[in-house]
């Protein structure tokens, strides 16, 4: 069994699953609503498999209201991934800031050439 963070990143690796999450970011939707944009390229069972991967990763929850089974985005799992990535974002921002400062000195001719 994979750890929760590995499941999240594995689920996010697929563009169809990311598109499903983008749709759910707008609000809950039924499986058929989520499948509609993809039905020309894939089957409903394929979409259902994608949803199961998202559910297993904790990114999506599915409930049952009579015949309707709404899917919802679970922001907590995305928050976990975001928190894991935060130190790397800070590192890259700092690196870009240092690069920008260096390039400004080069453009101003302040760098001595040995």
C-alpha atoms as a PDB file:
ATOM      1  CA  UNK A   1       0.000   0.000   0.000  1.00  0.00           C
ATOM      2  CA  UNK A   2       1.275   3.450  -0.881  1.00  0.00           C
ATOM      3  CA  UNK A   3       1.487   6.261   1.611  1.00  0.00           C
ATOM      4  CA  UNK A   4      -1.251   8.935   1.353  1.00  0.00           C
ATOM      5  CA  UNK A   5       0.991  11.535  -0.290  1.00  0.00           C
ATOM      6  CA  UNK A   6       2.090   9.067  -2.983  1.00  0.00           C
ATOM      7  CA  UNK A   7      -1.561   8.256  -3.705  1.00  0.00           C
ATOM      8  CA  UNK A   8      -2.346  11.955  -4.048  1.00  0.00           C
ATOM      9  CA  UNK A   9       0.511  12.680  -6.445  1.00  0.00           C
ATOM     10  CA  UNK A  10      -0.205   9.536  -8.437  1.00  0.00           C
ATOM     11  CA  UNK A  11      -3.834  10.609  -8.811  1.00  0.00           C
ATOM     12  CA  UNK A  12      -2.786  14.120  -9.842  1.00  0.00           C
ATOM     13  CA  UNK A  13      -0.429  12.751 -12.506  1.00  0.00           C
ATOM     14  CA  UNK A  14      -3.285  12.019 -14.919  1.00  0.00           C
ATOM     15  CA  UNK A  15      -4.747  14.915 -16.976  1.00  0.00           C
ATOM     16  CA  UNK A  16      -8.255  13.430 -16.968  1.00  0.00           C
ATOM     17  CA  UNK A  17      -8.250  13.263 -13.182  1.00  0.00           C
ATOM     18  CA  UNK A  18      -6.939  16.830 -12.962  1.00  0.00           C
ATOM     19  CA  UNK A  19      -9.770  17.938 -15.264  1.00  0.00           C
ATOM     20  CA  UNK A  20     -12.288  16.166 -13.036  1.00  0.00           C
ATOM     21  CA  UNK A  21     -10.842  17.957  -9.997  1.00  0.00           C
ATOM     22  CA  UNK A  22     -11.015  21.288 -11.840  1.00  0.00           C
ATOM     23  CA  UNK A  23     -14.701  20.670 -12.531  1.00  0.00           C
ATOM     24  CA  UNK A  24     -15.337  19.734  -8.901  1.00  0.00           C
ATOM     25  CA  UNK A  25     -13.616  22.932  -7.773  1.00  0.00           C
ATOM     26  CA  UNK A  26     -16.688  24.683  -9.231  1.00  0.00           C
ATOM     27  CA  UNK A  27     -19.044  22.621  -7.058  1.00  0.00           C
ATOM     28  CA  UNK A  28     -20.379  19.112  -6.564  1.00  0.00           C
ATOM     29  CA  UNK A  29     -21.413  17.106  -9.611  1.00  0.00           C
ATOM     30  CA  UNK A  30     -22.826  13.717 -10.476  1.00  0.00           C
ATOM     31  CA  UNK A  31     -20.727  11.037 -12.130  1.00  0.00           C
ATOM     32  CA  UNK A  32     -22.607  11.542 -15.401  1.00  0.00           C
ATOM     33  CA  UNK A  33     -21.968  15.308 -15.253  1.00  0.00           C
ATOM     34  CA  UNK A  34     -18.272  14.660 -14.690  1.00  0.00           C
ATOM     35  CA  UNK A  35     -18.166  12.102 -17.508  1.00  0.00           C
ATOM     36  CA  UNK A  36     -19.953  14.254 -20.107  1.00  0.00           C
ATOM     37  CA  UNK A  37     -16.890  16.137 -21.443  1.00  0.00           C
ATOM     38  CA  UNK A  38     -14.950  12.881 -21.893  1.00  0.00           C
ATOM     39  CA  UNK A  39     -17.564  10.540 -23.381  1.00  0.00           C
ATOM     40  CA  UNK A  40     -16.323  11.028 -26.941  1.00  0.00           C
ATOM     41  CA  UNK A  41     -12.861   9.847 -25.937  1.00  0.00           C
ATOM     42  CA  UNK A  42     -13.571   7.324 -23.165  1.00  0.00           C
ATOM     43  CA  UNK A  43     -16.322   5.226 -21.666  1.00  0.00           C
ATOM     44  CA  UNK A  44     -18.322   5.828 -18.509  1.00  0.00           C
ATOM     45  CA  UNK A  45     -16.592   2.856 -16.808  1.00  0.00           C
ATOM     46  CA  UNK A  46     -13.228   4.498 -17.534  1.00  0.00           C
ATOM     47  CA  UNK A  47     -14.399   7.725 -15.869  1.00  0.00           C
ATOM     48  CA  UNK A  48     -15.648   5.670 -12.929  1.00  0.00           C
ATOM     49  CA  UNK A  49     -12.175   4.147 -12.594  1.00  0.00           C
ATOM     50  CA  UNK A  50     -10.630   7.621 -12.570  1.00  0.00           C
ATOM     51  CA  UNK A  51     -13.073   8.649  -9.842  1.00  0.00           C
ATOM     52  CA  UNK A  52     -12.128   5.599  -7.783  1.00  0.00           C
ATOM     53  CA  UNK A  53      -8.456   6.592  -7.986  1.00  0.00           C
ATOM     54  CA  UNK A  54      -9.373  10.102  -6.840  1.00  0.00           C
ATOM     55  CA  UNK A  55     -11.484   8.689  -4.013  1.00  0.00           C
ATOM     56  CA  UNK A  56      -8.733   6.310  -2.889  1.00  0.00           C
ATOM     57  CA  UNK A  57      -6.322   9.251  -2.777  1.00  0.00           C
ATOM     58  CA  UNK A  58      -8.828  11.174  -0.660  1.00  0.00           C
ATOM     59  CA  UNK A  59      -9.214  13.930  -3.254  1.00  0.00           C
ATOM     60  CA  UNK A  60     -12.901  13.246  -3.933  1.00  0.00           C
ATOM     61  CA  UNK A  61     -15.791  12.112  -1.787  1.00  0.00           C
ATOM     62  CA  UNK A  62     -18.961  10.552  -3.106  1.00  0.00           C
ATOM     63  CA  UNK A  63     -22.238  10.566  -1.217  1.00  0.00           C
ATOM     64  CA  UNK A  64     -25.652   9.182  -1.949  1.00  0.00           C
ATOM     65  CA  UNK A  65     -28.856  11.198  -2.079  1.00  0.00           C
ATOM     66  CA  UNK A  66     -31.638   8.913  -3.330  1.00  0.00           C
ATOM     67  CA  UNK A  67     -30.680   8.099  -6.932  1.00  0.00           C
ATOM     68  CA  UNK A  68     -28.156  10.926  -7.155  1.00  0.00           C
ATOM     69  CA  UNK A  69     -24.527  10.293  -6.158  1.00  0.00           C
ATOM     70  CA  UNK A  70     -22.857  13.685  -5.935  1.00  0.00           C
ATOM     71  CA  UNK A  71     -19.072  13.903  -5.976  1.00  0.00           C
ATOM     72  CA  UNK A  72     -17.287  16.627  -4.041  1.00  0.00           C
ATOM     73  CA  UNK A  73     -13.734  17.890  -3.934  1.00  0.00           C
ATOM     74  CA  UNK A  74     -11.911  17.159  -0.681  1.00  0.00           C
ATOM     75  CA  UNK A  75      -9.626  20.117  -0.107  1.00  0.00           C
ATOM     76  CA  UNK A  76      -7.853  18.507   2.856  1.00  0.00           C
ATOM     77  CA  UNK A  77      -5.919  16.098   0.624  1.00  0.00           C
ATOM     78  CA  UNK A  78      -4.894  18.932  -1.695  1.00  0.00           C
ATOM     79  CA  UNK A  79      -3.782  20.906   1.341  1.00  0.00           C
ATOM     80  CA  UNK A  80      -1.540  18.027   2.413  1.00  0.00           C
ATOM     81  CA  UNK A  81       0.123  18.003  -1.015  1.00  0.00           C
ATOM     82  CA  UNK A  82       0.468  21.775  -0.974  1.00  0.00           C
ATOM     83  CA  UNK A  83       2.058  21.732   2.486  1.00  0.00           C
ATOM     84  CA  UNK A  84       4.555  19.118   1.328  1.00  0.00           C
ATOM     85  CA  UNK A  85       5.496  21.259  -1.689  1.00  0.00           C
ATOM     86  CA  UNK A  86       5.743  24.557   0.211  1.00  0.00           C
ATOM     87  CA  UNK A  87       9.445  24.312   1.171  1.00  0.00           C
ATOM     88  CA  UNK A  88      10.295  23.598  -2.475  1.00  0.00           C
ATOM     89  CA  UNK A  89       8.250  26.590  -3.652  1.00  0.00           C
ATOM     90  CA  UNK A  90      10.141  28.796  -1.204  1.00  0.00           C
ATOM     91  CA  UNK A  91      13.462  27.352  -2.390  1.00  0.00           C
ATOM     92  CA  UNK A  92      12.650  28.053  -6.061  1.00  0.00           C
ATOM     93  CA  UNK A  93      11.381  31.559  -5.339  1.00  0.00           C
ATOM     94  CA  UNK A  94      14.598  32.321  -3.450  1.00  0.00           C
ATOM     95  CA  UNK A  95      16.640  30.860  -6.318  1.00  0.00           C
ATOM     96  CA  UNK A  96      14.792  33.005  -8.865  1.00  0.00           C
ATOM     97  CA  UNK A  97      15.258  36.093  -6.681  1.00  0.00           C
ATOM     98  CA  UNK A  98      19.027  35.438  -6.526  1.00  0.00           C
ATOM     99  CA  UNK A  99      19.131  34.868 -10.287  1.00  0.00           C
ATOM    100  CA  UNK A 100      17.214  38.094 -10.899  1.00  0.00           C
ATOM    101  CA  UNK A 101      19.621  40.040  -8.687  1.00  0.00           C
ATOM    102  CA  UNK A 102      22.602  38.520 -10.497  1.00  0.00           C
ATOM    103  CA  UNK A 103      21.162  39.322 -13.924  1.00  0.00           C
ATOM    104  CA  UNK A 104      20.602  42.938 -12.878  1.00  0.00           C
ATOM    105  CA  UNK A 105      24.263  43.245 -11.916  1.00  0.00           C
ATOM    106  CA  UNK A 106      25.302  41.713 -15.248  1.00  0.00           C
ATOM    107  CA  UNK A 107      23.073  44.116 -17.163  1.00  0.00           C
ATOM    108  CA  UNK A 108      24.542  47.062 -15.259  1.00  0.00           C
ATOM    109  CA  UNK A 109      28.089  45.864 -15.967  1.00  0.00           C
ATOM    110  CA  UNK A 110      28.872  45.445 -12.269  1.00  0.00           C
ATOM    111  CA  UNK A 111      30.275  41.940 -12.613  1.00  0.00           C
ATOM    112  CA  UNK A 112      34.036  41.784 -12.923  1.00  0.00           C
ATOM    113  CA  UNK A 113      35.303  39.440 -15.600  1.00  0.00           C
ATOM    114  CA  UNK A 114      38.417  37.536 -14.638  1.00  0.00           C
END
